[in-house]
N, C-alpha and C. Protein backbone atom coordinates (compact mmCIF):
# COMPACT_ATOMS: atom_id res chain seq x y z
N UNK A 1 158.61 38.35 -44.95
CA UNK A 1 159.90 38.68 -45.54
C UNK A 1 161.01 38.14 -44.65
N UNK A 2 161.98 37.48 -45.25
CA UNK A 2 163.09 36.91 -44.49
C UNK A 2 164.12 37.99 -44.20
N UNK A 3 164.96 37.75 -43.17
CA UNK A 3 165.95 38.73 -42.73
C UNK A 3 167.04 38.95 -43.78
N UNK A 4 167.66 40.13 -43.74
CA UNK A 4 168.68 40.46 -44.73
C UNK A 4 169.91 39.57 -44.60
N UNK A 5 170.29 39.16 -43.37
CA UNK A 5 171.44 38.26 -43.22
C UNK A 5 171.13 36.91 -43.83
N UNK A 6 169.87 36.46 -43.69
CA UNK A 6 169.46 35.20 -44.32
C UNK A 6 169.57 35.31 -45.83
N UNK A 7 169.19 36.47 -46.38
CA UNK A 7 169.28 36.69 -47.81
C UNK A 7 170.74 36.64 -48.26
N UNK A 8 171.63 37.29 -47.52
CA UNK A 8 173.06 37.25 -47.86
C UNK A 8 173.59 35.81 -47.80
N UNK A 9 173.19 35.07 -46.78
CA UNK A 9 173.63 33.67 -46.66
C UNK A 9 173.12 32.84 -47.83
N UNK A 10 171.86 33.06 -48.22
CA UNK A 10 171.29 32.32 -49.35
C UNK A 10 172.03 32.67 -50.64
N UNK A 11 172.36 33.94 -50.82
CA UNK A 11 173.11 34.35 -52.02
C UNK A 11 174.50 33.72 -52.04
N UNK A 12 175.18 33.73 -50.90
CA UNK A 12 176.51 33.10 -50.81
C UNK A 12 176.43 31.62 -51.13
N UNK A 13 175.41 30.94 -50.58
CA UNK A 13 175.24 29.51 -50.86
C UNK A 13 175.02 29.26 -52.34
N UNK A 14 174.23 30.10 -52.96
CA UNK A 14 173.96 29.98 -54.39
C UNK A 14 175.25 30.14 -55.20
N UNK A 15 176.05 31.14 -54.84
CA UNK A 15 177.29 31.38 -55.57
C UNK A 15 178.30 30.26 -55.36
N UNK A 16 178.29 29.64 -54.20
CA UNK A 16 179.21 28.54 -53.93
C UNK A 16 178.91 27.33 -54.80
N UNK A 17 177.67 27.21 -55.24
CA UNK A 17 177.28 26.08 -56.08
C UNK A 17 177.65 26.31 -57.55
N UNK A 18 178.19 27.50 -57.86
CA UNK A 18 178.66 27.84 -59.21
C UNK A 18 177.60 27.66 -60.29
N UNK A 19 176.37 28.10 -60.00
CA UNK A 19 175.29 27.94 -60.96
C UNK A 19 174.65 29.26 -61.36
N UNK A 20 175.22 30.37 -60.96
CA UNK A 20 174.61 31.67 -61.23
C UNK A 20 175.37 32.38 -62.36
N UNK A 21 174.79 32.35 -63.55
CA UNK A 21 175.49 32.97 -64.67
C UNK A 21 174.99 34.38 -64.96
N UNK A 22 173.77 34.71 -64.52
CA UNK A 22 173.26 36.06 -64.72
C UNK A 22 172.56 36.53 -63.45
N UNK A 23 172.38 37.84 -63.34
CA UNK A 23 171.65 38.38 -62.20
C UNK A 23 170.19 37.93 -62.24
N UNK A 24 169.66 37.73 -63.42
CA UNK A 24 168.29 37.24 -63.56
C UNK A 24 168.18 35.82 -62.99
N UNK A 25 169.18 34.97 -63.27
CA UNK A 25 169.20 33.61 -62.70
C UNK A 25 169.22 33.69 -61.17
N UNK A 26 170.01 34.61 -60.64
CA UNK A 26 170.11 34.77 -59.18
C UNK A 26 168.76 35.22 -58.61
N UNK A 27 168.12 36.19 -59.27
CA UNK A 27 166.80 36.66 -58.82
C UNK A 27 165.81 35.49 -58.74
N UNK A 28 165.76 34.70 -59.81
CA UNK A 28 164.82 33.58 -59.85
C UNK A 28 165.12 32.55 -58.76
N UNK A 29 166.40 32.24 -58.57
CA UNK A 29 166.78 31.25 -57.55
C UNK A 29 166.42 31.75 -56.16
N UNK A 30 166.67 33.03 -55.89
CA UNK A 30 166.34 33.58 -54.57
C UNK A 30 164.83 33.68 -54.37
N UNK A 31 164.09 34.02 -55.43
CA UNK A 31 162.63 34.07 -55.32
C UNK A 31 162.08 32.68 -55.04
N UNK A 32 162.68 31.64 -55.64
CA UNK A 32 162.26 30.26 -55.39
C UNK A 32 162.49 29.86 -53.93
N UNK A 33 163.43 30.55 -53.27
CA UNK A 33 163.70 30.28 -51.85
C UNK A 33 162.88 31.18 -50.93
N UNK A 34 161.99 32.02 -51.51
CA UNK A 34 161.10 32.83 -50.70
C UNK A 34 161.54 34.26 -50.48
N UNK A 35 162.55 34.74 -51.19
CA UNK A 35 163.03 36.11 -51.02
C UNK A 35 162.44 37.00 -52.11
N UNK A 36 162.09 38.20 -51.72
CA UNK A 36 161.56 39.18 -52.67
C UNK A 36 162.71 40.09 -53.10
N UNK A 37 163.22 39.85 -54.32
CA UNK A 37 164.37 40.61 -54.82
C UNK A 37 164.13 41.01 -56.27
N UNK A 38 164.87 42.04 -56.69
CA UNK A 38 164.87 42.41 -58.09
C UNK A 38 166.33 42.53 -58.54
N UNK A 39 166.54 42.79 -59.81
CA UNK A 39 167.90 42.84 -60.35
C UNK A 39 168.75 43.91 -59.68
N UNK A 40 168.15 45.05 -59.39
CA UNK A 40 168.90 46.14 -58.74
C UNK A 40 169.40 45.71 -57.36
N UNK A 41 168.53 45.07 -56.60
CA UNK A 41 168.92 44.62 -55.27
C UNK A 41 170.00 43.54 -55.36
N UNK A 42 169.85 42.61 -56.29
CA UNK A 42 170.85 41.57 -56.47
C UNK A 42 172.19 42.17 -56.84
N UNK A 43 172.19 43.17 -57.70
CA UNK A 43 173.42 43.84 -58.10
C UNK A 43 174.11 44.46 -56.88
N UNK A 44 173.34 45.14 -56.02
CA UNK A 44 173.90 45.74 -54.80
C UNK A 44 174.47 44.67 -53.87
N UNK A 45 173.73 43.57 -53.70
CA UNK A 45 174.18 42.50 -52.82
C UNK A 45 175.46 41.83 -53.34
N UNK A 46 175.54 41.65 -54.65
CA UNK A 46 176.74 41.06 -55.25
C UNK A 46 177.96 41.94 -54.97
N UNK A 47 177.78 43.25 -55.10
CA UNK A 47 178.87 44.18 -54.79
C UNK A 47 179.22 44.11 -53.30
N UNK A 48 178.20 44.05 -52.46
CA UNK A 48 178.40 44.03 -51.01
C UNK A 48 179.23 42.83 -50.56
N UNK A 49 179.00 41.67 -51.15
CA UNK A 49 179.72 40.47 -50.72
C UNK A 49 180.98 40.23 -51.55
N UNK A 50 181.26 41.11 -52.50
CA UNK A 50 182.50 41.00 -53.28
C UNK A 50 182.46 39.93 -54.35
N UNK A 51 181.29 39.63 -54.87
CA UNK A 51 181.18 38.62 -55.92
C UNK A 51 181.74 39.18 -57.23
N UNK A 52 182.32 38.29 -58.01
CA UNK A 52 182.90 38.67 -59.30
C UNK A 52 182.47 37.66 -60.36
N UNK A 53 182.57 38.05 -61.61
CA UNK A 53 182.33 37.12 -62.71
C UNK A 53 183.63 36.40 -63.01
N UNK A 54 183.54 35.08 -63.14
CA UNK A 54 184.71 34.26 -63.47
C UNK A 54 184.35 33.30 -64.58
N UNK A 55 185.38 32.76 -65.23
CA UNK A 55 185.18 31.76 -66.28
C UNK A 55 185.52 30.40 -65.68
N UNK A 56 184.57 29.46 -65.78
CA UNK A 56 184.80 28.12 -65.24
C UNK A 56 185.70 27.32 -66.18
N UNK A 57 186.10 26.14 -65.72
CA UNK A 57 186.93 25.26 -66.54
C UNK A 57 186.20 24.87 -67.83
N UNK A 58 184.86 24.90 -67.80
CA UNK A 58 184.07 24.56 -68.98
C UNK A 58 183.84 25.77 -69.88
N UNK A 59 184.38 26.92 -69.51
CA UNK A 59 184.25 28.12 -70.32
C UNK A 59 182.98 28.93 -70.05
N UNK A 60 182.22 28.55 -69.04
CA UNK A 60 180.99 29.27 -68.70
C UNK A 60 181.32 30.45 -67.79
N UNK A 61 180.69 31.59 -68.03
CA UNK A 61 180.88 32.77 -67.17
C UNK A 61 179.83 32.73 -66.07
N UNK A 62 180.29 32.78 -64.82
CA UNK A 62 179.39 32.72 -63.67
C UNK A 62 179.81 33.74 -62.62
N UNK A 63 178.90 34.05 -61.71
CA UNK A 63 179.25 34.85 -60.54
C UNK A 63 179.85 33.92 -59.49
N UNK A 64 180.86 34.41 -58.78
CA UNK A 64 181.52 33.60 -57.78
C UNK A 64 182.04 34.50 -56.66
N UNK A 65 182.28 33.89 -55.50
CA UNK A 65 182.91 34.59 -54.39
C UNK A 65 184.41 34.37 -54.50
N UNK A 66 185.17 35.41 -54.26
CA UNK A 66 186.62 35.27 -54.25
C UNK A 66 187.04 34.52 -53.01
N UNK A 67 188.02 33.63 -53.13
CA UNK A 67 188.53 32.93 -51.95
C UNK A 67 189.31 33.90 -51.07
N UNK A 68 189.88 34.92 -51.68
CA UNK A 68 190.66 35.88 -50.90
C UNK A 68 190.11 37.28 -51.17
N UNK A 69 189.29 37.79 -50.28
CA UNK A 69 188.71 39.11 -50.49
C UNK A 69 189.74 40.22 -50.29
N UNK A 70 189.33 41.41 -50.67
CA UNK A 70 190.20 42.57 -50.45
C UNK A 70 190.45 42.74 -48.96
N UNK A 71 191.59 43.30 -48.58
CA UNK A 71 191.87 43.49 -47.16
C UNK A 71 190.80 44.35 -46.51
N UNK A 72 190.48 44.09 -45.24
CA UNK A 72 189.46 44.87 -44.57
C UNK A 72 189.92 46.31 -44.34
N UNK A 73 188.95 47.22 -44.30
CA UNK A 73 189.24 48.61 -43.98
C UNK A 73 189.50 48.74 -42.48
N UNK A 74 190.07 49.83 -42.09
CA UNK A 74 190.40 50.00 -40.67
C UNK A 74 189.16 50.11 -39.78
N UNK A 75 188.03 50.50 -40.35
CA UNK A 75 186.81 50.62 -39.55
C UNK A 75 185.89 49.40 -39.73
N UNK A 76 186.45 48.28 -40.16
CA UNK A 76 185.68 47.07 -40.43
C UNK A 76 185.08 46.49 -39.14
N UNK A 77 183.83 46.10 -39.21
CA UNK A 77 183.18 45.40 -38.11
C UNK A 77 183.65 43.95 -38.12
N UNK A 78 183.64 43.32 -36.97
CA UNK A 78 184.05 41.93 -36.87
C UNK A 78 183.28 41.05 -37.86
N UNK A 79 181.98 41.29 -38.01
CA UNK A 79 181.16 40.46 -38.89
C UNK A 79 181.62 40.52 -40.34
N UNK A 80 182.27 41.61 -40.73
CA UNK A 80 182.74 41.72 -42.11
C UNK A 80 184.01 40.92 -42.35
N UNK A 81 184.64 40.43 -41.29
CA UNK A 81 185.83 39.60 -41.43
C UNK A 81 185.48 38.12 -41.58
N UNK A 82 184.24 37.77 -41.28
CA UNK A 82 183.79 36.39 -41.36
C UNK A 82 183.21 36.14 -42.75
N UNK A 83 183.79 35.17 -43.48
CA UNK A 83 183.28 34.84 -44.81
C UNK A 83 182.21 33.76 -44.75
N UNK A 84 182.40 32.77 -43.86
CA UNK A 84 181.43 31.69 -43.79
C UNK A 84 181.66 30.88 -42.50
N UNK A 85 180.59 30.28 -42.02
CA UNK A 85 180.66 29.36 -40.88
C UNK A 85 179.96 28.08 -41.33
N UNK A 86 180.70 26.97 -41.37
CA UNK A 86 180.14 25.70 -41.83
C UNK A 86 180.44 24.61 -40.80
N UNK A 87 179.72 23.50 -40.91
CA UNK A 87 179.95 22.40 -39.98
C UNK A 87 179.61 21.08 -40.65
N UNK A 88 180.10 20.00 -40.03
CA UNK A 88 179.68 18.66 -40.40
C UNK A 88 179.27 17.96 -39.11
N UNK A 89 179.39 16.65 -39.07
CA UNK A 89 178.94 15.91 -37.89
C UNK A 89 179.90 16.03 -36.70
N UNK A 90 181.13 16.51 -36.92
CA UNK A 90 182.11 16.51 -35.83
C UNK A 90 182.80 17.84 -35.58
N UNK A 91 182.77 18.75 -36.53
CA UNK A 91 183.56 19.96 -36.38
C UNK A 91 182.88 21.16 -37.03
N UNK A 92 183.28 22.32 -36.55
CA UNK A 92 182.82 23.58 -37.11
C UNK A 92 184.04 24.29 -37.69
N UNK A 93 183.88 24.86 -38.90
CA UNK A 93 184.97 25.58 -39.54
C UNK A 93 184.49 26.99 -39.86
N UNK A 94 185.32 27.97 -39.52
CA UNK A 94 185.01 29.37 -39.81
C UNK A 94 186.05 29.89 -40.79
N UNK A 95 185.58 30.43 -41.92
CA UNK A 95 186.46 31.03 -42.92
C UNK A 95 186.44 32.54 -42.71
N UNK A 96 187.63 33.14 -42.66
CA UNK A 96 187.74 34.57 -42.39
C UNK A 96 188.54 35.26 -43.49
N UNK A 97 188.58 36.57 -43.43
CA UNK A 97 189.48 37.33 -44.29
C UNK A 97 190.91 36.97 -43.91
N UNK A 98 191.83 37.00 -44.87
CA UNK A 98 193.22 36.66 -44.55
C UNK A 98 193.76 37.48 -43.38
N UNK A 99 194.43 36.78 -42.46
CA UNK A 99 195.04 37.43 -41.31
C UNK A 99 194.11 37.63 -40.13
N UNK A 100 192.83 37.29 -40.26
CA UNK A 100 191.85 37.55 -39.20
C UNK A 100 191.57 36.36 -38.29
N UNK A 101 191.96 35.18 -38.71
CA UNK A 101 191.55 33.96 -37.99
C UNK A 101 192.04 33.93 -36.54
N UNK A 102 193.29 34.29 -36.30
CA UNK A 102 193.80 34.17 -34.92
C UNK A 102 193.09 35.14 -33.97
N UNK A 103 192.77 36.33 -34.45
CA UNK A 103 192.06 37.30 -33.62
C UNK A 103 190.66 36.78 -33.27
N UNK A 104 189.97 36.23 -34.26
CA UNK A 104 188.62 35.74 -34.03
C UNK A 104 188.65 34.48 -33.16
N UNK A 105 189.64 33.61 -33.38
CA UNK A 105 189.78 32.41 -32.54
C UNK A 105 190.03 32.80 -31.08
N UNK A 106 190.81 33.82 -30.87
CA UNK A 106 191.08 34.30 -29.50
C UNK A 106 189.78 34.73 -28.82
N UNK A 107 188.94 35.44 -29.56
CA UNK A 107 187.64 35.85 -29.04
C UNK A 107 186.79 34.62 -28.71
N UNK A 108 186.79 33.63 -29.59
CA UNK A 108 186.00 32.42 -29.34
C UNK A 108 186.52 31.64 -28.14
N UNK A 109 187.84 31.55 -28.00
CA UNK A 109 188.40 30.87 -26.84
C UNK A 109 188.00 31.57 -25.54
N UNK A 110 187.94 32.88 -25.57
CA UNK A 110 187.53 33.66 -24.41
C UNK A 110 186.07 33.39 -24.07
N UNK A 111 185.25 33.14 -25.11
CA UNK A 111 183.81 32.92 -24.93
C UNK A 111 183.45 31.44 -24.91
N UNK A 112 184.43 30.54 -24.70
CA UNK A 112 184.16 29.12 -24.86
C UNK A 112 183.09 28.58 -23.93
N UNK A 113 182.97 29.09 -22.73
CA UNK A 113 181.96 28.59 -21.81
C UNK A 113 180.56 28.90 -22.33
N UNK A 114 180.34 30.12 -22.78
CA UNK A 114 179.00 30.51 -23.22
C UNK A 114 178.65 29.97 -24.61
N UNK A 115 179.65 29.60 -25.41
CA UNK A 115 179.37 29.12 -26.76
C UNK A 115 179.33 27.61 -26.87
N UNK A 116 179.83 26.90 -25.87
CA UNK A 116 179.79 25.44 -25.92
C UNK A 116 180.92 24.81 -26.72
N UNK A 117 182.07 25.47 -26.77
CA UNK A 117 183.20 24.90 -27.50
C UNK A 117 184.33 24.52 -26.55
N UNK A 118 185.14 23.55 -26.98
CA UNK A 118 186.32 23.17 -26.21
C UNK A 118 187.47 24.12 -26.50
N UNK A 119 187.62 24.47 -27.75
CA UNK A 119 188.70 25.36 -28.15
C UNK A 119 188.78 25.49 -29.65
N UNK A 120 189.79 26.22 -30.10
CA UNK A 120 189.94 26.51 -31.52
C UNK A 120 191.39 26.28 -31.95
N UNK A 121 191.55 26.08 -33.25
CA UNK A 121 192.86 26.07 -33.89
C UNK A 121 192.74 27.02 -35.07
N UNK A 122 193.60 28.03 -35.11
CA UNK A 122 193.49 29.05 -36.16
C UNK A 122 194.71 29.05 -37.06
N UNK A 123 194.43 29.18 -38.35
CA UNK A 123 195.48 29.43 -39.33
C UNK A 123 195.43 30.90 -39.69
N UNK A 124 195.73 31.22 -40.92
CA UNK A 124 195.69 32.60 -41.38
C UNK A 124 194.25 33.05 -41.65
N UNK A 125 193.47 32.19 -42.31
CA UNK A 125 192.11 32.56 -42.69
C UNK A 125 191.09 31.47 -42.41
N UNK A 126 191.46 30.49 -41.60
CA UNK A 126 190.56 29.38 -41.28
C UNK A 126 190.67 29.03 -39.80
N UNK A 127 189.53 28.77 -39.18
CA UNK A 127 189.49 28.38 -37.77
C UNK A 127 188.76 27.05 -37.66
N UNK A 128 189.39 26.07 -37.02
CA UNK A 128 188.72 24.82 -36.69
C UNK A 128 188.21 24.96 -35.26
N UNK A 129 186.93 24.70 -35.07
CA UNK A 129 186.31 24.84 -33.75
C UNK A 129 185.89 23.45 -33.28
N UNK A 130 186.41 23.05 -32.12
CA UNK A 130 186.04 21.76 -31.53
C UNK A 130 184.89 21.98 -30.55
N UNK A 131 183.74 21.36 -30.81
CA UNK A 131 182.61 21.51 -29.90
C UNK A 131 182.75 20.62 -28.67
N UNK A 132 182.12 21.02 -27.57
CA UNK A 132 182.12 20.17 -26.37
C UNK A 132 181.32 18.90 -26.63
N UNK A 133 180.25 19.03 -27.41
CA UNK A 133 179.39 17.89 -27.73
C UNK A 133 179.00 17.95 -29.20
N UNK A 134 179.21 16.86 -29.92
CA UNK A 134 178.85 16.89 -31.35
C UNK A 134 177.33 16.94 -31.54
N UNK A 135 176.57 16.52 -30.54
CA UNK A 135 175.11 16.61 -30.65
C UNK A 135 174.64 18.07 -30.63
N UNK A 136 175.46 18.96 -30.12
CA UNK A 136 175.10 20.37 -29.98
C UNK A 136 175.60 21.24 -31.15
N UNK A 137 176.20 20.65 -32.17
CA UNK A 137 176.81 21.44 -33.24
C UNK A 137 175.84 22.45 -33.87
N UNK A 138 174.62 22.07 -34.26
CA UNK A 138 173.73 23.09 -34.84
C UNK A 138 173.47 24.27 -33.90
N UNK A 139 173.30 23.98 -32.62
CA UNK A 139 173.07 25.03 -31.62
C UNK A 139 174.31 25.91 -31.47
N UNK A 140 175.50 25.29 -31.47
CA UNK A 140 176.74 26.04 -31.34
C UNK A 140 176.95 26.94 -32.56
N UNK A 141 176.67 26.41 -33.75
CA UNK A 141 176.81 27.21 -34.98
C UNK A 141 175.93 28.46 -34.89
N UNK A 142 174.71 28.30 -34.42
CA UNK A 142 173.82 29.45 -34.27
C UNK A 142 174.37 30.46 -33.25
N UNK A 143 174.91 29.95 -32.14
CA UNK A 143 175.51 30.85 -31.15
C UNK A 143 176.70 31.60 -31.75
N UNK A 144 177.53 30.89 -32.53
CA UNK A 144 178.69 31.54 -33.16
C UNK A 144 178.24 32.60 -34.15
N UNK A 145 177.21 32.28 -34.93
CA UNK A 145 176.71 33.27 -35.89
C UNK A 145 176.17 34.50 -35.17
N UNK A 146 175.45 34.29 -34.06
CA UNK A 146 174.92 35.48 -33.35
C UNK A 146 176.03 36.28 -32.69
N UNK A 147 177.10 35.61 -32.26
CA UNK A 147 178.23 36.29 -31.65
C UNK A 147 179.08 37.04 -32.68
N UNK A 148 179.33 36.39 -33.81
CA UNK A 148 180.28 36.95 -34.79
C UNK A 148 179.63 37.78 -35.90
N UNK A 149 178.38 37.51 -36.20
CA UNK A 149 177.74 38.16 -37.34
C UNK A 149 176.69 39.20 -36.96
N UNK A 150 176.76 39.74 -35.76
CA UNK A 150 175.75 40.72 -35.34
C UNK A 150 175.93 42.03 -36.03
């Protein structure tokens, strides 16, 4: 059985591809990726990550993640402020809840030696992370996930 954070990440990836029109479709897609889920669990997970049904430009109803989630509660854990961590060949980008990026970037700048980053640039809800070495990006992304998503 794969870890619950991996399951949440797989569900988010699926929703980003805009191909999930029913909870049954989501169950099948996650099962094809090796996760043991049922409709009830998928329903709970969709609520947990704030997924909503939207109408696409083609008129299809699908599940999707909101670009701007509800404001965090006062007892929110740091991991709940992180929406996604992505990278390409040269940079790492962290998407956060609105207003959270500068706080999280400050934490990353403080931890730059142990995480392998040069520094960060933060907007309102997006952080650009410059790695010390582009060859280390996958390793740095994993370190950031373990630091921010625990």
